[in-house]
PDB file of N, CA and C in Angstrom:
ATOM      1  N   MET A   1      65.791 -10.583 152.476  1.00  0.00           N
ATOM      2  CA  MET A   1      66.535 -10.067 151.359  1.00  0.00           C
ATOM      3  C   MET A   1      66.348 -11.004 150.170  1.00  0.00           C
ATOM      4  N   LYS A   2      65.926 -10.472 149.035  1.00  0.00           N
ATOM      5  CA  LYS A   2      65.724 -11.244 147.816  1.00  0.00           C
ATOM      6  C   LYS A   2      67.071 -11.452 147.144  1.00  0.00           C
ATOM      7  N   THR A   3      67.399 -12.707 146.859  1.00  0.00           N
ATOM      8  CA  THR A   3      68.638 -13.053 146.161  1.00  0.00           C
ATOM      9  C   THR A   3      68.282 -13.836 144.917  1.00  0.00           C
ATOM     10  N   SER A   4      68.674 -13.314 143.774  1.00  0.00           N
ATOM     11  CA  SER A   4      68.424 -13.979 142.501  1.00  0.00           C
ATOM     12  C   SER A   4      69.741 -14.513 141.958  1.00  0.00           C
ATOM     13  N   VAL A   5      69.755 -15.796 141.656  1.00  0.00           N
ATOM     14  CA  VAL A   5      70.901 -16.413 140.994  1.00  0.00           C
ATOM     15  C   VAL A   5      70.508 -16.569 139.539  1.00  0.00           C
ATOM     16  N   ILE A   6      71.286 -15.937 138.652  1.00  0.00           N
ATOM     17  CA  ILE A   6      70.994 -15.978 137.216  1.00  0.00           C
ATOM     18  C   ILE A   6      72.049 -16.841 136.541  1.00  0.00           C
ATOM     19  N   VAL A   7      71.591 -17.867 135.838  1.00  0.00           N
ATOM     20  CA  VAL A   7      72.480 -18.791 135.145  1.00  0.00           C
ATOM     21  C   VAL A   7      72.143 -18.743 133.656  1.00  0.00           C
ATOM     22  N   CYS A   8      73.138 -18.430 132.854  1.00  0.00           N
ATOM     23  CA  CYS A   8      72.976 -18.423 131.401  1.00  0.00           C
ATOM     24  C   CYS A   8      73.649 -19.672 130.854  1.00  0.00           C
ATOM     25  N   THR A   9      72.958 -20.397 129.972  1.00  0.00           N
ATOM     26  CA  THR A   9      73.502 -21.660 129.498  1.00  0.00           C
ATOM     27  C   THR A   9      73.069 -21.962 128.074  1.00  0.00           C
ATOM     28  N   ARG A  10      73.849 -22.838 127.455  1.00  0.00           N
ATOM     29  CA  ARG A  10      73.490 -23.370 126.134  1.00  0.00           C
ATOM     30  C   ARG A  10      74.228 -24.690 125.930  1.00  0.00           C
ATOM     31  N   ASP A  11      73.479 -25.759 125.808  1.00  0.00           N
ATOM     32  CA  ASP A  11      74.016 -27.089 125.527  1.00  0.00           C
ATOM     33  C   ASP A  11      75.115 -27.525 126.499  1.00  0.00           C
ATOM     34  N   ARG A  12      74.903 -27.280 127.770  1.00  0.00           N
ATOM     35  CA  ARG A  12      75.854 -27.697 128.804  1.00  0.00           C
ATOM     36  C   ARG A  12      75.119 -28.392 129.944  1.00  0.00           C
ATOM     37  N   CYS A  13      74.286 -29.313 129.590  1.00  0.00           N
ATOM     38  CA  CYS A  13      73.412 -29.957 130.560  1.00  0.00           C
ATOM     39  C   CYS A  13      74.180 -30.616 131.708  1.00  0.00           C
ATOM     40  N   ALA A  14      75.263 -31.317 131.424  1.00  0.00           N
ATOM     41  CA  ALA A  14      76.016 -31.993 132.479  1.00  0.00           C
ATOM     42  C   ALA A  14      76.583 -30.994 133.480  1.00  0.00           C
ATOM     43  N   ARG A  15      77.122 -29.903 133.000  1.00  0.00           N
ATOM     44  CA  ARG A  15      77.652 -28.874 133.912  1.00  0.00           C
ATOM     45  C   ARG A  15      76.526 -28.193 134.675  1.00  0.00           C
ATOM     46  N   LEU A  16      75.416 -27.988 134.004  1.00  0.00           N
ATOM     47  CA  LEU A  16      74.263 -27.380 134.662  1.00  0.00           C
ATOM     48  C   LEU A  16      73.767 -28.267 135.795  1.00  0.00           C
ATOM     49  N   GLU A  17      73.717 -29.579 135.569  1.00  0.00           N
ATOM     50  CA  GLU A  17      73.295 -30.510 136.622  1.00  0.00           C
ATOM     51  C   GLU A  17      74.201 -30.389 137.846  1.00  0.00           C
ATOM     52  N   ALA A  18      75.499 -30.258 137.640  1.00  0.00           N
ATOM     53  CA  ALA A  18      76.438 -30.103 138.754  1.00  0.00           C
ATOM     54  C   ALA A  18      76.186 -28.806 139.507  1.00  0.00           C
ATOM     55  N   LEU A  19      75.937 -27.733 138.783  1.00  0.00           N
ATOM     56  CA  LEU A  19      75.649 -26.454 139.421  1.00  0.00           C
ATOM     57  C   LEU A  19      74.354 -26.521 140.230  1.00  0.00           C
ATOM     58  N   LEU A  20      73.324 -27.121 139.647  1.00  0.00           N
ATOM     59  CA  LEU A  20      72.040 -27.231 140.348  1.00  0.00           C
ATOM     60  C   LEU A  20      72.168 -28.080 141.603  1.00  0.00           C
ATOM     61  N   ALA A  21      72.953 -29.148 141.537  1.00  0.00           N
ATOM     62  CA  ALA A  21      73.188 -29.979 142.724  1.00  0.00           C
ATOM     63  C   ALA A  21      73.872 -29.166 143.820  1.00  0.00           C
ATOM     64  N   SER A  22      74.803 -28.313 143.442  1.00  0.00           N
ATOM     65  CA  SER A  22      75.472 -27.458 144.424  1.00  0.00           C
ATOM     66  C   SER A  22      74.498 -26.474 145.058  1.00  0.00           C
ATOM     67  N   LEU A  23      73.634 -25.900 144.250  1.00  0.00           N
ATOM     68  CA  LEU A  23      72.623 -24.983 144.795  1.00  0.00           C
ATOM     69  C   LEU A  23      71.688 -25.694 145.763  1.00  0.00           C
ATOM     70  N   ALA A  24      71.276 -26.899 145.410  1.00  0.00           N
ATOM     71  CA  ALA A  24      70.364 -27.656 146.262  1.00  0.00           C
ATOM     72  C   ALA A  24      71.020 -28.009 147.591  1.00  0.00           C
ATOM     73  N   ALA A  25      72.327 -28.243 147.575  1.00  0.00           N
ATOM     74  CA  ALA A  25      73.043 -28.639 148.785  1.00  0.00           C
ATOM     75  C   ALA A  25      73.442 -27.449 149.660  1.00  0.00           C
ATOM     76  N   ALA A  26      73.421 -26.250 149.095  1.00  0.00           N
ATOM     77  CA  ALA A  26      73.834 -25.059 149.846  1.00  0.00           C
ATOM     78  C   ALA A  26      72.863 -24.779 150.980  1.00  0.00           C
ATOM     79  N   LYS A  27      73.405 -24.307 152.057  1.00  0.00           N
ATOM     80  CA  LYS A  27      72.580 -23.938 153.210  1.00  0.00           C
ATOM     81  C   LYS A  27      72.259 -22.445 153.105  1.00  0.00           C
ATOM     82  N   PRO A  28      70.975 -22.103 152.957  1.00  0.00           N
ATOM     83  CA  PRO A  28      70.625 -20.683 152.827  1.00  0.00           C
ATOM     84  C   PRO A  28      70.831 -19.927 154.141  1.00  0.00           C
ATOM     85  N   VAL A  29      71.156 -18.678 154.024  1.00  0.00           N
ATOM     86  CA  VAL A  29      71.280 -17.802 155.174  1.00  0.00           C
ATOM     87  C   VAL A  29      69.877 -17.513 155.690  1.00  0.00           C
ATOM     88  N   ALA A  30      69.714 -17.456 157.006  1.00  0.00           N
ATOM     89  CA  ALA A  30      68.401 -17.179 157.599  1.00  0.00           C
ATOM     90  C   ALA A  30      67.825 -15.897 157.016  1.00  0.00           C
ATOM     91  N   GLY A  31      66.599 -15.968 156.576  1.00  0.00           N
ATOM     92  CA  GLY A  31      65.911 -14.810 156.032  1.00  0.00           C
ATOM     93  C   GLY A  31      66.173 -14.563 154.554  1.00  0.00           C
ATOM     94  N   MET A  32      66.998 -15.394 153.922  1.00  0.00           N
ATOM     95  CA  MET A  32      67.285 -15.202 152.502  1.00  0.00           C
ATOM     96  C   MET A  32      66.112 -15.696 151.669  1.00  0.00           C
ATOM     97  N   ASP A  33      65.687 -14.874 150.746  1.00  0.00           N
ATOM     98  CA  ASP A  33      64.611 -15.211 149.828  1.00  0.00           C
ATOM     99  C   ASP A  33      65.252 -15.500 148.480  1.00  0.00           C
ATOM    100  N   LEU A  34      65.523 -16.772 148.205  1.00  0.00           N
ATOM    101  CA  LEU A  34      66.288 -17.180 147.030  1.00  0.00           C
ATOM    102  C   LEU A  34      65.385 -17.512 145.860  1.00  0.00           C
ATOM    103  N   GLU A  35      65.849 -17.176 144.664  1.00  0.00           N
ATOM    104  CA  GLU A  35      65.208 -17.610 143.431  1.00  0.00           C
ATOM    105  C   GLU A  35      66.298 -17.894 142.413  1.00  0.00           C
ATOM    106  N   LEU A  36      65.995 -18.791 141.479  1.00  0.00           N
ATOM    107  CA  LEU A  36      66.930 -19.136 140.413  1.00  0.00           C
ATOM    108  C   LEU A  36      66.291 -18.793 139.080  1.00  0.00           C
ATOM    109  N   VAL A  37      67.040 -18.091 138.242  1.00  0.00           N
ATOM    110  CA  VAL A  37      66.601 -17.766 136.889  1.00  0.00           C
ATOM    111  C   VAL A  37      67.605 -18.404 135.934  1.00  0.00           C
ATOM    112  N   VAL A  38      67.137 -19.347 135.118  1.00  0.00           N
ATOM    113  CA  VAL A  38      67.990 -19.991 134.129  1.00  0.00           C
ATOM    114  C   VAL A  38      67.574 -19.479 132.754  1.00  0.00           C
ATOM    115  N   VAL A  39      68.530 -18.911 132.033  1.00  0.00           N
ATOM    116  CA  VAL A  39      68.273 -18.429 130.687  1.00  0.00           C
ATOM    117  C   VAL A  39      68.954 -19.398 129.716  1.00  0.00           C
ATOM    118  N   ASP A  40      68.149 -20.072 128.929  1.00  0.00           N
ATOM    119  CA  ASP A  40      68.629 -21.058 127.970  1.00  0.00           C
ATOM    120  C   ASP A  40      68.693 -20.412 126.588  1.00  0.00           C
ATOM    121  N   ASP A  41      69.893 -20.355 126.038  1.00  0.00           N
ATOM    122  CA  ASP A  41      70.107 -19.739 124.731  1.00  0.00           C
ATOM    123  C   ASP A  41      69.909 -20.772 123.618  1.00  0.00           C
ATOM    124  N   GLY A  42      68.743 -21.421 123.627  1.00  0.00           N
ATOM    125  CA  GLY A  42      68.373 -22.338 122.555  1.00  0.00           C
ATOM    126  C   GLY A  42      69.062 -23.686 122.580  1.00  0.00           C
ATOM    127  N   SER A  43      69.237 -24.256 123.761  1.00  0.00           N
ATOM    128  CA  SER A  43      69.902 -25.562 123.879  1.00  0.00           C
ATOM    129  C   SER A  43      69.162 -26.643 123.107  1.00  0.00           C
ATOM    130  N   LYS A  44      69.941 -27.610 122.615  1.00  0.00           N
ATOM    131  CA  LYS A  44      69.369 -28.762 121.925  1.00  0.00           C
ATOM    132  C   LYS A  44      69.512 -30.029 122.763  1.00  0.00           C
ATOM    133  N   ASP A  45      70.039 -29.894 123.972  1.00  0.00           N
ATOM    134  CA  ASP A  45      70.185 -31.038 124.859  1.00  0.00           C
ATOM    135  C   ASP A  45      69.029 -31.045 125.866  1.00  0.00           C
ATOM    136  N   ALA A  46      69.195 -31.700 126.970  1.00  0.00           N
ATOM    137  CA  ALA A  46      68.119 -31.861 127.952  1.00  0.00           C
ATOM    138  C   ALA A  46      68.076 -30.744 128.993  1.00  0.00           C
ATOM    139  N   THR A  47      68.535 -29.569 128.641  1.00  0.00           N
ATOM    140  CA  THR A  47      68.579 -28.458 129.596  1.00  0.00           C
ATOM    141  C   THR A  47      67.198 -28.164 130.184  1.00  0.00           C
ATOM    142  N   GLY A  48      66.191 -28.023 129.350  1.00  0.00           N
ATOM    143  CA  GLY A  48      64.842 -27.701 129.844  1.00  0.00           C
ATOM    144  C   GLY A  48      64.300 -28.751 130.791  1.00  0.00           C
ATOM    145  N   VAL A  49      64.456 -29.998 130.456  1.00  0.00           N
ATOM    146  CA  VAL A  49      63.993 -31.101 131.309  1.00  0.00           C
ATOM    147  C   VAL A  49      64.739 -31.085 132.638  1.00  0.00           C
ATOM    148  N   THR A  50      66.040 -30.852 132.581  1.00  0.00           N
ATOM    149  CA  THR A  50      66.864 -30.821 133.792  1.00  0.00           C
ATOM    150  C   THR A  50      66.414 -29.713 134.728  1.00  0.00           C
ATOM    151  N   VAL A  51      66.167 -28.535 134.187  1.00  0.00           N
ATOM    152  CA  VAL A  51      65.745 -27.398 135.017  1.00  0.00           C
ATOM    153  C   VAL A  51      64.357 -27.658 135.609  1.00  0.00           C
ATOM    154  N   LYS A  52      63.451 -28.189 134.821  1.00  0.00           N
ATOM    155  CA  LYS A  52      62.099 -28.470 135.329  1.00  0.00           C
ATOM    156  C   LYS A  52      62.128 -29.529 136.424  1.00  0.00           C
ATOM    157  N   ARG A  53      62.953 -30.545 136.260  1.00  0.00           N
ATOM    158  CA  ARG A  53      63.078 -31.584 137.287  1.00  0.00           C
ATOM    159  C   ARG A  53      63.657 -30.986 138.572  1.00  0.00           C
ATOM    160  N   PHE A  54      64.650 -30.133 138.429  1.00  0.00           N
ATOM    161  CA  PHE A  54      65.243 -29.473 139.582  1.00  0.00           C
ATOM    162  C   PHE A  54      64.215 -28.593 140.284  1.00  0.00           C
ATOM    163  N   ALA A  55      63.447 -27.833 139.516  1.00  0.00           N
ATOM    164  CA  ALA A  55      62.444 -26.939 140.094  1.00  0.00           C
ATOM    165  C   ALA A  55      61.440 -27.695 140.958  1.00  0.00           C
ATOM    166  N   ALA A  56      61.109 -28.911 140.548  1.00  0.00           N
ATOM    167  CA  ALA A  56      60.154 -29.716 141.317  1.00  0.00           C
ATOM    168  C   ALA A  56      60.746 -30.262 142.607  1.00  0.00           C
ATOM    169  N   SER A  57      62.077 -30.197 142.738  1.00  0.00           N
ATOM    170  CA  SER A  57      62.725 -30.799 143.897  1.00  0.00           C
ATOM    171  C   SER A  57      63.177 -29.803 144.959  1.00  0.00           C
ATOM    172  N   VAL A  58      63.019 -28.512 144.700  1.00  0.00           N
ATOM    173  CA  VAL A  58      63.484 -27.502 145.657  1.00  0.00           C
ATOM    174  C   VAL A  58      62.316 -26.642 146.130  1.00  0.00           C
ATOM    175  N   ASP A  59      62.557 -25.936 147.233  1.00  0.00           N
ATOM    176  CA  ASP A  59      61.484 -25.131 147.816  1.00  0.00           C
ATOM    177  C   ASP A  59      61.656 -23.630 147.563  1.00  0.00           C
ATOM    178  N   PHE A  60      62.331 -23.290 146.483  1.00  0.00           N
ATOM    179  CA  PHE A  60      62.431 -21.888 146.085  1.00  0.00           C
ATOM    180  C   PHE A  60      62.067 -21.791 144.611  1.00  0.00           C
ATOM    181  N   PRO A  61      61.655 -20.609 144.157  1.00  0.00           N
ATOM    182  CA  PRO A  61      61.229 -20.459 142.766  1.00  0.00           C
ATOM    183  C   PRO A  61      62.376 -20.658 141.777  1.00  0.00           C
ATOM    184  N   VAL A  62      62.070 -21.368 140.709  1.00  0.00           N
ATOM    185  CA  VAL A  62      63.016 -21.579 139.611  1.00  0.00           C
ATOM    186  C   VAL A  62      62.298 -21.171 138.330  1.00  0.00           C
ATOM    187  N   HIS A  63      62.901 -20.254 137.591  1.00  0.00           N
ATOM    188  CA  HIS A  63      62.305 -19.754 136.357  1.00  0.00           C
ATOM    189  C   HIS A  63      63.196 -20.163 135.185  1.00  0.00           C
ATOM    190  N   LEU A  64      62.604 -20.750 134.171  1.00  0.00           N
ATOM    191  CA  LEU A  64      63.328 -21.127 132.965  1.00  0.00           C
ATOM    192  C   LEU A  64      62.885 -20.206 131.838  1.00  0.00           C
ATOM    193  N   LEU A  65      63.832 -19.465 131.291  1.00  0.00           N
ATOM    194  CA  LEU A  65      63.569 -18.582 130.166  1.00  0.00           C
ATOM    195  C   LEU A  65      64.321 -19.131 128.966  1.00  0.00           C
ATOM    196  N   VAL A  66      63.627 -19.324 127.864  1.00  0.00           N
ATOM    197  CA  VAL A  66      64.257 -19.862 126.660  1.00  0.00           C
ATOM    198  C   VAL A  66      64.242 -18.780 125.602  1.00  0.00           C
ATOM    199  N   GLN A  67      65.419 -18.516 125.039  1.00  0.00           N
ATOM    200  CA  GLN A  67      65.482 -17.537 123.965  1.00  0.00           C
ATOM    201  C   GLN A  67      65.947 -18.212 122.684  1.00  0.00           C
ATOM    202  N   GLN A  68      65.785 -17.532 121.590  1.00  0.00           N
ATOM    203  CA  GLN A  68      66.195 -18.079 120.292  1.00  0.00           C
ATOM    204  C   GLN A  68      67.687 -18.367 120.310  1.00  0.00           C
ATOM    205  N   PRO A  69      68.093 -19.455 119.677  1.00  0.00           N
ATOM    206  CA  PRO A  69      69.509 -19.825 119.677  1.00  0.00           C
ATOM    207  C   PRO A  69      70.397 -18.739 119.081  1.00  0.00           C
ATOM    208  N   GLY A  70      71.567 -18.619 119.685  1.00  0.00           N
ATOM    209  CA  GLY A  70      72.574 -17.744 119.122  1.00  0.00           C
ATOM    210  C   GLY A  70      72.449 -16.273 119.444  1.00  0.00           C
ATOM    211  N   ARG A  71      71.544 -15.912 120.328  1.00  0.00           N
ATOM    212  CA  ARG A  71      71.429 -14.490 120.688  1.00  0.00           C
ATOM    213  C   ARG A  71      72.621 -14.067 121.523  1.00  0.00           C
ATOM    214  N   GLY A  72      73.241 -15.030 122.182  1.00  0.00           N
ATOM    215  CA  GLY A  72      74.491 -14.748 122.879  1.00  0.00           C
ATOM    216  C   GLY A  72      74.361 -14.500 124.369  1.00  0.00           C
ATOM    217  N   LEU A  73      75.545 -14.489 124.986  1.00  0.00           N
ATOM    218  CA  LEU A  73      75.619 -14.352 126.436  1.00  0.00           C
ATOM    219  C   LEU A  73      75.105 -13.004 126.931  1.00  0.00           C
ATOM    220  N   ALA A  74      75.442 -11.936 126.253  1.00  0.00           N
ATOM    221  CA  ALA A  74      74.986 -10.618 126.697  1.00  0.00           C
ATOM    222  C   ALA A  74      73.465 -10.535 126.701  1.00  0.00           C
ATOM    223  N   ALA A  75      72.828 -11.043 125.655  1.00  0.00           N
ATOM    224  CA  ALA A  75      71.365 -11.029 125.596  1.00  0.00           C
ATOM    225  C   ALA A  75      70.777 -11.907 126.697  1.00  0.00           C
ATOM    226  N   ALA A  76      71.411 -13.041 126.965  1.00  0.00           N
ATOM    227  CA  ALA A  76      70.930 -13.936 128.029  1.00  0.00           C
ATOM    228  C   ALA A  76      71.057 -13.257 129.392  1.00  0.00           C
ATOM    229  N   ARG A  77      72.168 -12.608 129.626  1.00  0.00           N
ATOM    230  CA  ARG A  77      72.349 -11.891 130.906  1.00  0.00           C
ATOM    231  C   ARG A  77      71.296 -10.802 131.063  1.00  0.00           C
ATOM    232  N   ASN A  78      71.085 -10.030 130.012  1.00  0.00           N
ATOM    233  CA  ASN A  78      70.094  -8.951 130.086  1.00  0.00           C
ATOM    234  C   ASN A  78      68.704  -9.500 130.334  1.00  0.00           C
ATOM    235  N   ARG A  79      68.370 -10.605 129.684  1.00  0.00           N
ATOM    236  CA  ARG A  79      67.042 -11.198 129.884  1.00  0.00           C
ATOM    237  C   ARG A  79      66.891 -11.734 131.300  1.00  0.00           C
ATOM    238  N   GLY A  80      67.924 -12.377 131.810  1.00  0.00           N
ATOM    239  CA  GLY A  80      67.883 -12.875 133.184  1.00  0.00           C
ATOM    240  C   GLY A  80      67.740 -11.755 134.189  1.00  0.00           C
ATOM    241  N   ARG A  81      68.485 -10.679 133.993  1.00  0.00           N
ATOM    242  CA  ARG A  81      68.406  -9.535 134.901  1.00  0.00           C
ATOM    243  C   ARG A  81      67.023  -8.889 134.850  1.00  0.00           C
ATOM    244  N   ALA A  82      66.448  -8.802 133.680  1.00  0.00           N
ATOM    245  CA  ALA A  82      65.126  -8.212 133.541  1.00  0.00           C
ATOM    246  C   ALA A  82      64.070  -9.052 134.244  1.00  0.00           C
ATOM    247  N   ALA A  83      64.280 -10.358 134.315  1.00  0.00           N
ATOM    248  CA  ALA A  83      63.298 -11.252 134.947  1.00  0.00           C
ATOM    249  C   ALA A  83      63.444 -11.289 136.465  1.00  0.00           C
ATOM    250  N   ALA A  84      64.604 -10.924 136.974  1.00  0.00           N
ATOM    251  CA  ALA A  84      64.833 -10.921 138.421  1.00  0.00           C
ATOM    252  C   ALA A  84      64.301  -9.627 139.016  1.00  0.00           C
ATOM    253  N   PRO A  85      63.682  -9.722 140.183  1.00  0.00           N
ATOM    254  CA  PRO A  85      63.142  -8.484 140.792  1.00  0.00           C
ATOM    255  C   PRO A  85      64.200  -7.504 141.228  1.00  0.00           C
TER     256      PRO A  85
END
């Protein structure tokens, strides 16, 4: 079963790091096909670096989508959903 976790964020790197640590520590259900989609609404902090570092440390796909700043949460959700299978 494909499970996509979609995270929308903007300039919340510290909170994002905590969320990513929780995902890394979670025990997947047998047969779960997990992927993470992070939609960055134009962050000016280290969000992109944090996501890329996390992606290199886990064994499931992590996709970082960056959109123009200020498009908002609804646009980020729609973009994340469109990227998830």
